[in-house]
Amino acid sequence: MISSLRGTVLSAAGSTAVLEVGGVGLAVTVTPQHALALRVGSEAMLRTALIVREDDLALFGFDGGDELAVFDLLRGVTGVGPKSAMGVLAALSPSQIATAVESEDDGAFRKVSGIGPKTAKLIVVSLAGKLQQFTSSSIGKPASTASVNDNVLAALVGLGWSERVASQALDDAVLAASESESASVPALLRLALTKLGPQQFMGAQR
């Protein structure tokens, strides 16, 4: 079982990152937000899950243990495969998933591509009582707002935006973010990228 990887990021685009570990390039499926936060040429450490099938070996990577734990729980739900589980994590943070399950809000999962009404209800029913440690109120020591903001700003600058433009987008994202989004680097990064828009991104790369 491959439980983690540490190596140089060779590429990161869409939902795939390639890390060079010991001279071997390993392709890892990640969320789009995670791929955007990875910087080509820098070292990265991913928590991973290896999915073994008769005709395939697939690695799925995560920024931390919470995402990996929720990924494993989601895969235990009937009708939820690894790709659907990644889709849920791309749309919702672990704390948001926990909150949706706790409040029996299956609508949050129906918004995820590939998750139908029946599967959404199964997620809520199957995970009831299993996610308390991921709710905002039960996280022992959440990341500080400054730390989250610094990481998001570094990711935006690494993607090519100037620090001035990135800072403005971050400020706008913080104002629009919910409490749980403000404490999550992937969620806040997603909001900041939405504020910047694709046209500005293209301009930043020139």
N, C-alpha and C. Protein backbone atom coordinates (compact mmCIF):
# COMPACT_ATOMS: atom_id res chain seq x y z
N MET A 1 0.84 -1.20 0.00
CA MET A 1 0.00 0.00 0.00
C MET A 1 0.88 1.25 0.00
N ILE A 2 0.62 2.15 -0.94
CA ILE A 2 1.35 3.43 -0.99
C ILE A 2 0.51 4.46 -0.24
N SER A 3 0.98 4.87 0.93
CA SER A 3 0.18 5.77 1.77
C SER A 3 0.59 7.22 1.66
N SER A 4 1.76 7.50 1.07
CA SER A 4 2.18 8.89 0.87
C SER A 4 3.27 8.94 -0.19
N LEU A 5 3.42 10.14 -0.78
CA LEU A 5 4.46 10.38 -1.76
C LEU A 5 5.12 11.71 -1.46
N ARG A 6 6.41 11.77 -1.63
CA ARG A 6 7.13 13.04 -1.54
C ARG A 6 8.08 13.12 -2.73
N GLY A 7 7.96 14.16 -3.52
CA GLY A 7 8.83 14.28 -4.68
C GLY A 7 8.63 15.60 -5.39
N THR A 8 9.31 15.76 -6.50
CA THR A 8 9.25 16.99 -7.29
C THR A 8 8.04 16.96 -8.22
N VAL A 9 7.32 18.06 -8.25
CA VAL A 9 6.15 18.15 -9.13
C VAL A 9 6.62 18.37 -10.57
N LEU A 10 6.33 17.40 -11.44
CA LEU A 10 6.69 17.53 -12.84
C LEU A 10 5.60 18.23 -13.64
N SER A 11 4.36 17.97 -13.27
CA SER A 11 3.23 18.64 -13.93
C SER A 11 2.02 18.57 -13.02
N ALA A 12 1.11 19.50 -13.20
CA ALA A 12 -0.13 19.53 -12.42
C ALA A 12 -1.16 20.29 -13.23
N ALA A 13 -2.15 19.59 -13.74
CA ALA A 13 -3.18 20.22 -14.57
C ALA A 13 -4.46 19.40 -14.49
N GLY A 14 -5.58 20.12 -14.54
CA GLY A 14 -6.86 19.43 -14.46
C GLY A 14 -6.99 18.70 -13.14
N SER A 15 -7.11 17.39 -13.19
CA SER A 15 -7.22 16.60 -11.96
C SER A 15 -6.08 15.58 -11.85
N THR A 16 -4.95 15.86 -12.51
CA THR A 16 -3.81 14.95 -12.47
C THR A 16 -2.53 15.69 -12.15
N ALA A 17 -1.76 15.14 -11.23
CA ALA A 17 -0.44 15.66 -10.93
C ALA A 17 0.57 14.53 -11.13
N VAL A 18 1.76 14.88 -11.60
CA VAL A 18 2.82 13.89 -11.77
C VAL A 18 3.98 14.29 -10.87
N LEU A 19 4.34 13.38 -9.95
CA LEU A 19 5.46 13.61 -9.04
C LEU A 19 6.59 12.64 -9.38
N GLU A 20 7.80 13.19 -9.42
CA GLU A 20 8.96 12.34 -9.63
C GLU A 20 9.48 11.88 -8.27
N VAL A 21 9.40 10.57 -8.04
CA VAL A 21 9.84 9.98 -6.78
C VAL A 21 10.89 8.92 -7.09
N GLY A 22 12.12 9.16 -6.68
CA GLY A 22 13.18 8.20 -6.94
C GLY A 22 13.44 7.97 -8.41
N GLY A 23 13.29 9.02 -9.21
CA GLY A 23 13.53 8.90 -10.64
C GLY A 23 12.36 8.37 -11.44
N VAL A 24 11.24 8.09 -10.77
CA VAL A 24 10.05 7.57 -11.44
C VAL A 24 8.93 8.61 -11.36
N GLY A 25 8.29 8.90 -12.48
CA GLY A 25 7.17 9.82 -12.50
C GLY A 25 5.87 9.09 -12.21
N LEU A 26 5.21 9.47 -11.13
CA LEU A 26 3.97 8.81 -10.73
C LEU A 26 2.79 9.75 -10.95
N ALA A 27 1.79 9.29 -11.70
CA ALA A 27 0.59 10.08 -11.95
C ALA A 27 -0.39 9.87 -10.79
N VAL A 28 -0.89 10.97 -10.25
CA VAL A 28 -1.79 10.92 -9.10
C VAL A 28 -3.03 11.75 -9.42
N THR A 29 -4.20 11.19 -9.16
CA THR A 29 -5.44 11.95 -9.32
C THR A 29 -5.65 12.82 -8.10
N VAL A 30 -5.86 14.11 -8.33
CA VAL A 30 -6.09 15.07 -7.25
C VAL A 30 -7.31 15.91 -7.61
N THR A 31 -7.77 16.73 -6.69
CA THR A 31 -8.86 17.64 -7.03
C THR A 31 -8.30 18.79 -7.87
N PRO A 32 -9.11 19.43 -8.70
CA PRO A 32 -8.62 20.55 -9.50
C PRO A 32 -8.01 21.67 -8.66
N GLN A 33 -8.58 21.94 -7.49
CA GLN A 33 -8.04 22.98 -6.62
C GLN A 33 -6.65 22.61 -6.12
N HIS A 34 -6.48 21.33 -5.80
CA HIS A 34 -5.18 20.86 -5.32
C HIS A 34 -4.14 20.97 -6.43
N ALA A 35 -4.54 20.60 -7.65
CA ALA A 35 -3.62 20.70 -8.79
C ALA A 35 -3.15 22.13 -8.99
N LEU A 36 -4.06 23.09 -8.84
CA LEU A 36 -3.72 24.50 -9.01
C LEU A 36 -2.75 24.97 -7.93
N ALA A 37 -2.84 24.39 -6.76
CA ALA A 37 -1.99 24.82 -5.65
C ALA A 37 -0.58 24.23 -5.73
N LEU A 38 -0.41 23.15 -6.51
CA LEU A 38 0.91 22.54 -6.66
C LEU A 38 1.74 23.37 -7.63
N ARG A 39 3.02 23.50 -7.34
CA ARG A 39 3.90 24.33 -8.17
C ARG A 39 4.94 23.45 -8.86
N VAL A 40 4.95 23.48 -10.18
CA VAL A 40 5.89 22.67 -10.96
C VAL A 40 7.33 23.02 -10.58
N GLY A 41 8.12 21.99 -10.35
CA GLY A 41 9.52 22.19 -9.97
C GLY A 41 9.76 22.22 -8.48
N SER A 42 8.69 22.36 -7.70
CA SER A 42 8.85 22.38 -6.24
C SER A 42 8.56 20.99 -5.67
N GLU A 43 8.95 20.79 -4.43
CA GLU A 43 8.69 19.51 -3.78
C GLU A 43 7.31 19.52 -3.15
N ALA A 44 6.62 18.40 -3.23
CA ALA A 44 5.29 18.28 -2.63
C ALA A 44 5.19 16.96 -1.90
N MET A 45 4.37 16.95 -0.87
CA MET A 45 4.10 15.73 -0.13
C MET A 45 2.60 15.48 -0.18
N LEU A 46 2.19 14.32 -0.65
CA LEU A 46 0.78 13.98 -0.76
C LEU A 46 0.47 12.75 0.09
N ARG A 47 -0.65 12.79 0.78
CA ARG A 47 -1.20 11.57 1.36
C ARG A 47 -1.93 10.86 0.23
N THR A 48 -1.81 9.56 0.15
CA THR A 48 -2.36 8.86 -1.01
C THR A 48 -3.17 7.62 -0.64
N ALA A 49 -4.04 7.25 -1.57
CA ALA A 49 -4.79 5.99 -1.50
C ALA A 49 -4.54 5.26 -2.81
N LEU A 50 -4.14 4.02 -2.72
CA LEU A 50 -3.90 3.19 -3.91
C LEU A 50 -5.11 2.30 -4.13
N ILE A 51 -5.76 2.48 -5.27
CA ILE A 51 -6.93 1.68 -5.61
C ILE A 51 -6.50 0.60 -6.60
N VAL A 52 -6.66 -0.65 -6.20
CA VAL A 52 -6.21 -1.78 -7.02
C VAL A 52 -7.41 -2.48 -7.62
N ARG A 53 -7.39 -2.59 -8.94
CA ARG A 53 -8.41 -3.34 -9.66
C ARG A 53 -7.73 -4.35 -10.58
N GLU A 54 -8.50 -5.24 -11.14
CA GLU A 54 -7.92 -6.28 -11.97
C GLU A 54 -7.09 -5.72 -13.12
N ASP A 55 -7.58 -4.63 -13.72
CA ASP A 55 -6.92 -4.08 -14.90
C ASP A 55 -6.34 -2.69 -14.68
N ASP A 56 -6.21 -2.28 -13.41
CA ASP A 56 -5.78 -0.90 -13.18
C ASP A 56 -5.22 -0.72 -11.78
N LEU A 57 -4.17 0.11 -11.67
CA LEU A 57 -3.66 0.59 -10.40
C LEU A 57 -3.76 2.11 -10.44
N ALA A 58 -4.48 2.71 -9.52
CA ALA A 58 -4.67 4.16 -9.55
C ALA A 58 -4.33 4.77 -8.20
N LEU A 59 -3.58 5.88 -8.24
CA LEU A 59 -3.23 6.61 -7.04
C LEU A 59 -4.08 7.87 -6.94
N PHE A 60 -4.62 8.11 -5.76
CA PHE A 60 -5.39 9.32 -5.49
C PHE A 60 -4.68 10.08 -4.38
N GLY A 61 -4.43 11.38 -4.61
CA GLY A 61 -3.63 12.15 -3.68
C GLY A 61 -4.40 13.25 -2.97
N PHE A 62 -3.94 13.57 -1.75
CA PHE A 62 -4.64 14.54 -0.91
C PHE A 62 -3.64 15.42 -0.18
N ASP A 63 -4.10 16.64 0.11
CA ASP A 63 -3.26 17.62 0.78
C ASP A 63 -3.04 17.25 2.24
N GLY A 64 -3.99 16.54 2.84
CA GLY A 64 -3.88 16.19 4.25
C GLY A 64 -4.67 14.95 4.60
N GLY A 65 -4.56 14.56 5.87
CA GLY A 65 -5.21 13.35 6.34
C GLY A 65 -6.72 13.43 6.39
N ASP A 66 -7.27 14.63 6.62
CA ASP A 66 -8.73 14.76 6.68
C ASP A 66 -9.37 14.38 5.35
N GLU A 67 -8.80 14.91 4.25
CA GLU A 67 -9.35 14.61 2.93
C GLU A 67 -9.26 13.11 2.63
N LEU A 68 -8.15 12.50 2.99
CA LEU A 68 -7.98 11.07 2.75
C LEU A 68 -8.99 10.26 3.56
N ALA A 69 -9.18 10.63 4.82
CA ALA A 69 -10.12 9.90 5.68
C ALA A 69 -11.54 9.99 5.14
N VAL A 70 -11.94 11.19 4.70
CA VAL A 70 -13.28 11.37 4.15
C VAL A 70 -13.42 10.63 2.83
N PHE A 71 -12.36 10.64 2.02
CA PHE A 71 -12.35 9.89 0.76
C PHE A 71 -12.64 8.41 1.02
N ASP A 72 -11.97 7.83 2.01
CA ASP A 72 -12.17 6.42 2.34
C ASP A 72 -13.59 6.16 2.82
N LEU A 73 -14.13 7.08 3.61
CA LEU A 73 -15.51 6.92 4.09
C LEU A 73 -16.51 7.00 2.93
N LEU A 74 -16.28 7.94 2.04
CA LEU A 74 -17.18 8.09 0.90
C LEU A 74 -17.17 6.84 0.02
N ARG A 75 -15.99 6.25 -0.18
CA ARG A 75 -15.90 5.05 -1.01
C ARG A 75 -16.63 3.87 -0.40
N GLY A 76 -16.89 3.94 0.89
CA GLY A 76 -17.63 2.87 1.56
C GLY A 76 -19.12 2.95 1.35
N VAL A 77 -19.58 4.04 0.72
CA VAL A 77 -21.01 4.21 0.47
C VAL A 77 -21.37 3.52 -0.86
N THR A 78 -22.42 2.75 -0.87
CA THR A 78 -22.85 2.05 -2.07
C THR A 78 -23.09 3.04 -3.21
N GLY A 79 -22.49 2.78 -4.34
CA GLY A 79 -22.69 3.65 -5.49
C GLY A 79 -21.66 4.76 -5.62
N VAL A 80 -20.76 4.89 -4.65
CA VAL A 80 -19.74 5.93 -4.70
C VAL A 80 -18.37 5.29 -4.95
N GLY A 81 -17.83 5.49 -6.15
CA GLY A 81 -16.50 5.00 -6.47
C GLY A 81 -15.47 6.06 -6.18
N PRO A 82 -14.20 5.76 -6.44
CA PRO A 82 -13.14 6.74 -6.14
C PRO A 82 -13.29 8.05 -6.91
N LYS A 83 -13.72 7.98 -8.18
CA LYS A 83 -13.87 9.22 -8.96
C LYS A 83 -15.00 10.08 -8.41
N SER A 84 -16.10 9.44 -8.02
CA SER A 84 -17.21 10.21 -7.44
C SER A 84 -16.81 10.79 -6.09
N ALA A 85 -16.04 10.03 -5.31
CA ALA A 85 -15.58 10.53 -4.01
C ALA A 85 -14.69 11.76 -4.20
N MET A 86 -13.82 11.72 -5.22
CA MET A 86 -12.98 12.89 -5.52
C MET A 86 -13.83 14.06 -5.97
N GLY A 87 -14.90 13.77 -6.71
CA GLY A 87 -15.81 14.83 -7.14
C GLY A 87 -16.45 15.54 -5.96
N VAL A 88 -16.82 14.78 -4.94
CA VAL A 88 -17.40 15.37 -3.73
C VAL A 88 -16.37 16.25 -3.03
N LEU A 89 -15.12 15.76 -2.93
CA LEU A 89 -14.07 16.53 -2.25
C LEU A 89 -13.66 17.75 -3.05
N ALA A 90 -13.87 17.71 -4.38
CA ALA A 90 -13.57 18.87 -5.20
C ALA A 90 -14.60 19.97 -4.97
N ALA A 91 -15.81 19.57 -4.61
CA ALA A 91 -16.90 20.54 -4.42
C ALA A 91 -17.06 20.98 -2.97
N LEU A 92 -16.70 20.11 -2.04
CA LEU A 92 -16.94 20.38 -0.62
C LEU A 92 -15.72 20.02 0.21
N SER A 93 -15.43 20.82 1.22
CA SER A 93 -14.34 20.51 2.15
C SER A 93 -14.83 19.45 3.13
N PRO A 94 -13.92 18.77 3.84
CA PRO A 94 -14.35 17.79 4.84
C PRO A 94 -15.35 18.36 5.85
N SER A 95 -15.12 19.58 6.31
CA SER A 95 -16.05 20.16 7.27
C SER A 95 -17.41 20.44 6.65
N GLN A 96 -17.44 20.85 5.39
CA GLN A 96 -18.71 21.07 4.70
C GLN A 96 -19.45 19.76 4.49
N ILE A 97 -18.72 18.70 4.16
CA ILE A 97 -19.33 17.38 4.01
C ILE A 97 -19.94 16.93 5.33
N ALA A 98 -19.17 17.12 6.41
CA ALA A 98 -19.65 16.72 7.74
C ALA A 98 -20.90 17.51 8.12
N THR A 99 -20.89 18.81 7.82
CA THR A 99 -22.05 19.65 8.15
C THR A 99 -23.28 19.23 7.35
N ALA A 100 -23.09 18.91 6.06
CA ALA A 100 -24.21 18.47 5.21
C ALA A 100 -24.80 17.16 5.72
N VAL A 101 -23.93 16.24 6.12
CA VAL A 101 -24.41 14.96 6.65
C VAL A 101 -25.14 15.17 7.97
N GLU A 102 -24.55 15.98 8.84
CA GLU A 102 -25.14 16.23 10.15
C GLU A 102 -26.52 16.88 10.03
N SER A 103 -26.67 17.78 9.05
CA SER A 103 -27.96 18.47 8.87
C SER A 103 -28.88 17.74 7.89
N GLU A 104 -28.45 16.54 7.44
CA GLU A 104 -29.22 15.71 6.50
C GLU A 104 -29.54 16.47 5.21
N ASP A 105 -28.57 17.25 4.77
CA ASP A 105 -28.72 18.05 3.54
C ASP A 105 -28.16 17.28 2.35
N ASP A 106 -28.97 16.37 1.79
CA ASP A 106 -28.49 15.60 0.64
C ASP A 106 -28.38 16.46 -0.61
N GLY A 107 -29.02 17.63 -0.61
CA GLY A 107 -28.94 18.54 -1.75
C GLY A 107 -27.52 18.98 -2.04
N ALA A 108 -26.68 19.06 -1.00
CA ALA A 108 -25.29 19.47 -1.19
C ALA A 108 -24.55 18.46 -2.06
N PHE A 109 -24.93 17.19 -1.96
CA PHE A 109 -24.26 16.14 -2.74
C PHE A 109 -24.88 15.97 -4.13
N ARG A 110 -26.14 16.32 -4.27
CA ARG A 110 -26.78 16.21 -5.59
C ARG A 110 -26.17 17.19 -6.58
N LYS A 111 -25.53 18.25 -6.07
CA LYS A 111 -24.91 19.24 -6.96
C LYS A 111 -23.61 18.72 -7.57
N VAL A 112 -23.10 17.61 -7.05
CA VAL A 112 -21.84 17.06 -7.53
C VAL A 112 -22.10 16.20 -8.77
N SER A 113 -21.33 16.43 -9.82
CA SER A 113 -21.49 15.66 -11.05
C SER A 113 -21.30 14.17 -10.78
N GLY A 114 -22.24 13.35 -11.24
CA GLY A 114 -22.14 11.91 -11.06
C GLY A 114 -22.83 11.40 -9.81
N ILE A 115 -23.33 12.29 -8.97
CA ILE A 115 -24.05 11.89 -7.76
C ILE A 115 -25.54 12.16 -7.96
N GLY A 116 -26.33 11.12 -8.06
CA GLY A 116 -27.76 11.26 -8.24
C GLY A 116 -28.48 11.37 -6.91
N PRO A 117 -29.80 11.61 -6.94
CA PRO A 117 -30.59 11.77 -5.71
C PRO A 117 -30.50 10.58 -4.76
N LYS A 118 -30.56 9.36 -5.32
CA LYS A 118 -30.52 8.17 -4.47
C LYS A 118 -29.16 8.05 -3.78
N THR A 119 -28.09 8.25 -4.53
CA THR A 119 -26.75 8.15 -3.95
C THR A 119 -26.51 9.26 -2.93
N ALA A 120 -27.04 10.44 -3.22
CA ALA A 120 -26.89 11.56 -2.28
C ALA A 120 -27.53 11.22 -0.93
N LYS A 121 -28.71 10.62 -0.97
CA LYS A 121 -29.37 10.22 0.27
C LYS A 121 -28.59 9.12 0.98
N LEU A 122 -28.03 8.20 0.20
CA LEU A 122 -27.23 7.12 0.79
C LEU A 122 -26.00 7.67 1.50
N ILE A 123 -25.40 8.71 0.92
CA ILE A 123 -24.23 9.32 1.56
C ILE A 123 -24.61 9.86 2.94
N VAL A 124 -25.71 10.58 2.99
CA VAL A 124 -26.17 11.16 4.26
C VAL A 124 -26.48 10.09 5.29
N VAL A 125 -27.19 9.04 4.85
CA VAL A 125 -27.58 7.96 5.77
C VAL A 125 -26.37 7.14 6.20
N SER A 126 -25.51 6.79 5.24
CA SER A 126 -24.37 5.91 5.54
C SER A 126 -23.31 6.57 6.41
N LEU A 127 -23.13 7.88 6.24
CA LEU A 127 -22.07 8.57 6.98
C LEU A 127 -22.56 9.24 8.26
N ALA A 128 -23.83 9.11 8.56
CA ALA A 128 -24.38 9.71 9.78
C ALA A 128 -23.61 9.20 11.01
N GLY A 129 -23.12 10.13 11.81
CA GLY A 129 -22.40 9.77 13.02
C GLY A 129 -20.94 9.43 12.83
N LYS A 130 -20.44 9.49 11.59
CA LYS A 130 -19.05 9.09 11.32
C LYS A 130 -18.12 10.27 11.03
N LEU A 131 -18.68 11.49 11.03
CA LEU A 131 -17.87 12.63 10.60
C LEU A 131 -17.76 13.74 11.64
N GLN A 132 -18.09 13.41 12.90
CA GLN A 132 -18.09 14.47 13.90
C GLN A 132 -16.74 15.16 14.03
N GLN A 133 -15.65 14.40 13.83
CA GLN A 133 -14.32 15.00 14.01
C GLN A 133 -13.98 16.02 12.94
N PHE A 134 -14.79 16.07 11.87
CA PHE A 134 -14.49 17.00 10.79
C PHE A 134 -15.36 18.25 10.82
N THR A 135 -16.30 18.33 11.76
CA THR A 135 -17.12 19.52 11.86
C THR A 135 -16.29 20.64 12.46
N SER A 136 -16.64 21.88 12.11
CA SER A 136 -15.85 23.04 12.56
C SER A 136 -15.74 23.10 14.07
N SER A 137 -16.82 22.71 14.78
CA SER A 137 -16.82 22.83 16.23
C SER A 137 -15.97 21.78 16.91
N SER A 138 -15.64 20.66 16.22
CA SER A 138 -14.90 19.59 16.87
C SER A 138 -13.46 19.49 16.42
N ILE A 139 -13.02 20.36 15.52
CA ILE A 139 -11.63 20.35 15.11
C ILE A 139 -10.80 20.97 16.22
N GLY A 140 -9.87 20.22 16.76
CA GLY A 140 -9.14 20.64 17.95
C GLY A 140 -8.40 21.95 17.76
N LYS A 141 -7.68 22.08 16.63
CA LYS A 141 -6.87 23.28 16.44
C LYS A 141 -6.87 23.64 14.97
N PRO A 142 -7.88 24.38 14.51
CA PRO A 142 -7.94 24.72 13.10
C PRO A 142 -6.81 25.65 12.70
N ALA A 143 -6.50 25.63 11.41
CA ALA A 143 -5.45 26.52 10.92
C ALA A 143 -5.86 27.96 11.12
N SER A 144 -4.91 28.81 11.44
CA SER A 144 -5.21 30.20 11.65
C SER A 144 -5.59 30.85 10.33
N THR A 145 -6.40 31.90 10.42
CA THR A 145 -6.82 32.62 9.22
C THR A 145 -5.61 33.15 8.46
N ALA A 146 -4.61 33.66 9.20
CA ALA A 146 -3.41 34.21 8.55
C ALA A 146 -2.68 33.13 7.77
N SER A 147 -2.58 31.93 8.35
CA SER A 147 -1.89 30.83 7.68
C SER A 147 -2.60 30.43 6.40
N VAL A 148 -3.92 30.32 6.48
CA VAL A 148 -4.71 29.96 5.29
C VAL A 148 -4.55 31.02 4.21
N ASN A 149 -4.67 32.28 4.58
CA ASN A 149 -4.55 33.37 3.62
C ASN A 149 -3.16 33.40 2.98
N ASP A 150 -2.13 33.18 3.78
CA ASP A 150 -0.76 33.18 3.25
C ASP A 150 -0.57 32.08 2.22
N ASN A 151 -1.12 30.90 2.51
CA ASN A 151 -0.98 29.77 1.59
C ASN A 151 -1.72 30.03 0.28
N VAL A 152 -2.91 30.63 0.38
CA VAL A 152 -3.68 30.94 -0.83
C VAL A 152 -2.96 32.00 -1.66
N LEU A 153 -2.43 33.02 -0.99
CA LEU A 153 -1.71 34.08 -1.69
C LEU A 153 -0.48 33.50 -2.40
N ALA A 154 0.25 32.62 -1.72
CA ALA A 154 1.44 32.00 -2.32
C ALA A 154 1.06 31.17 -3.55
N ALA A 155 -0.07 30.47 -3.46
CA ALA A 155 -0.52 29.65 -4.60
C ALA A 155 -0.87 30.53 -5.79
N LEU A 156 -1.54 31.65 -5.55
CA LEU A 156 -1.93 32.55 -6.64
C LEU A 156 -0.71 33.18 -7.30
N VAL A 157 0.25 33.61 -6.48
CA VAL A 157 1.48 34.20 -7.03
C VAL A 157 2.24 33.14 -7.82
N GLY A 158 2.24 31.92 -7.30
CA GLY A 158 2.92 30.83 -8.01
C GLY A 158 2.28 30.51 -9.34
N LEU A 159 0.99 30.81 -9.48
CA LEU A 159 0.28 30.57 -10.74
C LEU A 159 0.51 31.69 -11.75
N GLY A 160 1.17 32.77 -11.32
CA GLY A 160 1.53 33.80 -12.29
C GLY A 160 0.95 35.18 -12.06
N TRP A 161 0.04 35.32 -11.11
CA TRP A 161 -0.50 36.66 -10.86
C TRP A 161 0.47 37.49 -10.02
N SER A 162 0.41 38.79 -10.20
CA SER A 162 1.24 39.67 -9.37
C SER A 162 0.68 39.63 -7.95
N GLU A 163 1.53 39.99 -7.00
CA GLU A 163 1.09 39.96 -5.61
C GLU A 163 -0.04 40.96 -5.36
N ARG A 164 -0.02 42.08 -6.06
CA ARG A 164 -1.08 43.08 -5.91
C ARG A 164 -2.43 42.53 -6.36
N VAL A 165 -2.45 41.93 -7.56
CA VAL A 165 -3.69 41.38 -8.10
C VAL A 165 -4.16 40.20 -7.24
N ALA A 166 -3.22 39.34 -6.84
CA ALA A 166 -3.56 38.18 -6.03
C ALA A 166 -4.13 38.60 -4.67
N SER A 167 -3.54 39.64 -4.08
CA SER A 167 -4.01 40.12 -2.77
C SER A 167 -5.43 40.66 -2.86
N GLN A 168 -5.73 41.38 -3.94
CA GLN A 168 -7.09 41.92 -4.12
C GLN A 168 -8.09 40.80 -4.28
N ALA A 169 -7.73 39.78 -5.08
CA ALA A 169 -8.62 38.64 -5.27
C ALA A 169 -8.84 37.89 -3.97
N LEU A 170 -7.77 37.76 -3.18
CA LEU A 170 -7.87 37.10 -1.88
C LEU A 170 -8.78 37.87 -0.94
N ASP A 171 -8.63 39.19 -0.91
CA ASP A 171 -9.50 40.03 -0.06
C ASP A 171 -10.96 39.85 -0.45
N ASP A 172 -11.24 39.84 -1.77
CA ASP A 172 -12.61 39.67 -2.25
C ASP A 172 -13.16 38.29 -1.86
N ALA A 173 -12.28 37.28 -1.96
CA ALA A 173 -12.69 35.91 -1.62
C ALA A 173 -13.01 35.79 -0.13
N VAL A 174 -12.18 36.42 0.71
CA VAL A 174 -12.40 36.37 2.16
C VAL A 174 -13.74 37.00 2.51
N LEU A 175 -14.08 38.09 1.85
CA LEU A 175 -15.36 38.76 2.12
C LEU A 175 -16.54 37.89 1.73
N ALA A 176 -16.38 37.10 0.66
CA ALA A 176 -17.48 36.27 0.16
C ALA A 176 -17.55 34.90 0.82
N ALA A 177 -16.48 34.52 1.52
CA ALA A 177 -16.38 33.16 2.05
C ALA A 177 -17.22 32.96 3.32
N SER A 178 -17.70 31.73 3.46
CA SER A 178 -18.36 31.34 4.70
C SER A 178 -17.28 31.05 5.75
N GLU A 179 -17.70 30.77 6.97
CA GLU A 179 -16.72 30.50 8.04
C GLU A 179 -15.88 29.27 7.71
N SER A 180 -16.53 28.22 7.21
CA SER A 180 -15.78 26.99 6.90
C SER A 180 -14.87 27.19 5.69
N GLU A 181 -15.31 27.98 4.71
CA GLU A 181 -14.47 28.25 3.54
C GLU A 181 -13.24 29.07 3.91
N SER A 182 -13.40 29.99 4.85
CA SER A 182 -12.29 30.83 5.28
C SER A 182 -11.19 30.03 5.95
N ALA A 183 -11.55 28.86 6.49
CA ALA A 183 -10.57 28.02 7.19
C ALA A 183 -9.98 26.94 6.30
N SER A 184 -10.38 26.93 5.02
CA SER A 184 -9.92 25.89 4.11
C SER A 184 -9.14 26.49 2.95
N VAL A 185 -7.87 26.07 2.79
CA VAL A 185 -7.06 26.59 1.69
C VAL A 185 -7.68 26.26 0.33
N PRO A 186 -8.07 25.00 0.06
CA PRO A 186 -8.66 24.69 -1.25
C PRO A 186 -9.94 25.49 -1.53
N ALA A 187 -10.82 25.64 -0.52
CA ALA A 187 -12.07 26.35 -0.72
C ALA A 187 -11.82 27.84 -0.98
N LEU A 188 -10.91 28.44 -0.21
CA LEU A 188 -10.63 29.86 -0.38
C LEU A 188 -9.90 30.12 -1.70
N LEU A 189 -9.03 29.19 -2.09
CA LEU A 189 -8.34 29.31 -3.37
C LEU A 189 -9.34 29.24 -4.52
N ARG A 190 -10.30 28.35 -4.41
CA ARG A 190 -11.33 28.22 -5.45
C ARG A 190 -12.11 29.53 -5.59
N LEU A 191 -12.46 30.15 -4.46
CA LEU A 191 -13.18 31.42 -4.52
C LEU A 191 -12.33 32.52 -5.13
N ALA A 192 -11.06 32.56 -4.77
CA ALA A 192 -10.16 33.59 -5.30
C ALA A 192 -10.00 33.44 -6.81
N LEU A 193 -9.89 32.21 -7.29
CA LEU A 193 -9.76 31.96 -8.73
C LEU A 193 -11.02 32.38 -9.46
N THR A 194 -12.16 32.18 -8.81
CA THR A 194 -13.43 32.62 -9.41
C THR A 194 -13.45 34.14 -9.54
N LYS A 195 -12.93 34.83 -8.53
CA LYS A 195 -12.89 36.30 -8.58
C LYS A 195 -11.96 36.79 -9.69
N LEU A 196 -10.86 36.07 -9.91
CA LEU A 196 -9.90 36.49 -10.93
C LEU A 196 -10.43 36.24 -12.33
N GLY A 197 -11.06 35.09 -12.54
CA GLY A 197 -11.64 34.79 -13.85
C GLY A 197 -10.61 34.31 -14.85
N PRO A 198 -11.05 33.57 -15.88
CA PRO A 198 -10.13 32.98 -16.86
C PRO A 198 -9.36 33.99 -17.70
N GLN A 199 -9.97 35.12 -18.03
CA GLN A 199 -9.29 36.09 -18.89
C GLN A 199 -8.09 36.70 -18.17
N GLN A 200 -8.25 36.99 -16.89
CA GLN A 200 -7.14 37.54 -16.13
C GLN A 200 -6.04 36.51 -15.97
N PHE A 201 -6.45 35.22 -15.87
CA PHE A 201 -5.45 34.17 -15.75
C PHE A 201 -4.58 34.13 -16.99
N MET A 202 -5.22 34.23 -18.17
CA MET A 202 -4.48 34.20 -19.41
C MET A 202 -3.51 35.36 -19.49
N GLY A 203 -3.97 36.51 -19.00
CA GLY A 203 -3.10 37.68 -19.02
C GLY A 203 -1.93 37.52 -18.08
N ALA A 204 -2.16 36.79 -16.96
CA ALA A 204 -1.09 36.63 -15.98
C ALA A 204 0.02 35.74 -16.52
N GLN A 205 -0.31 34.88 -17.50
CA GLN A 205 0.68 33.95 -18.01
C GLN A 205 1.52 34.54 -19.13
N ARG A 206 1.17 35.71 -19.63
CA ARG A 206 1.91 36.31 -20.74
C ARG A 206 3.21 36.94 -20.27
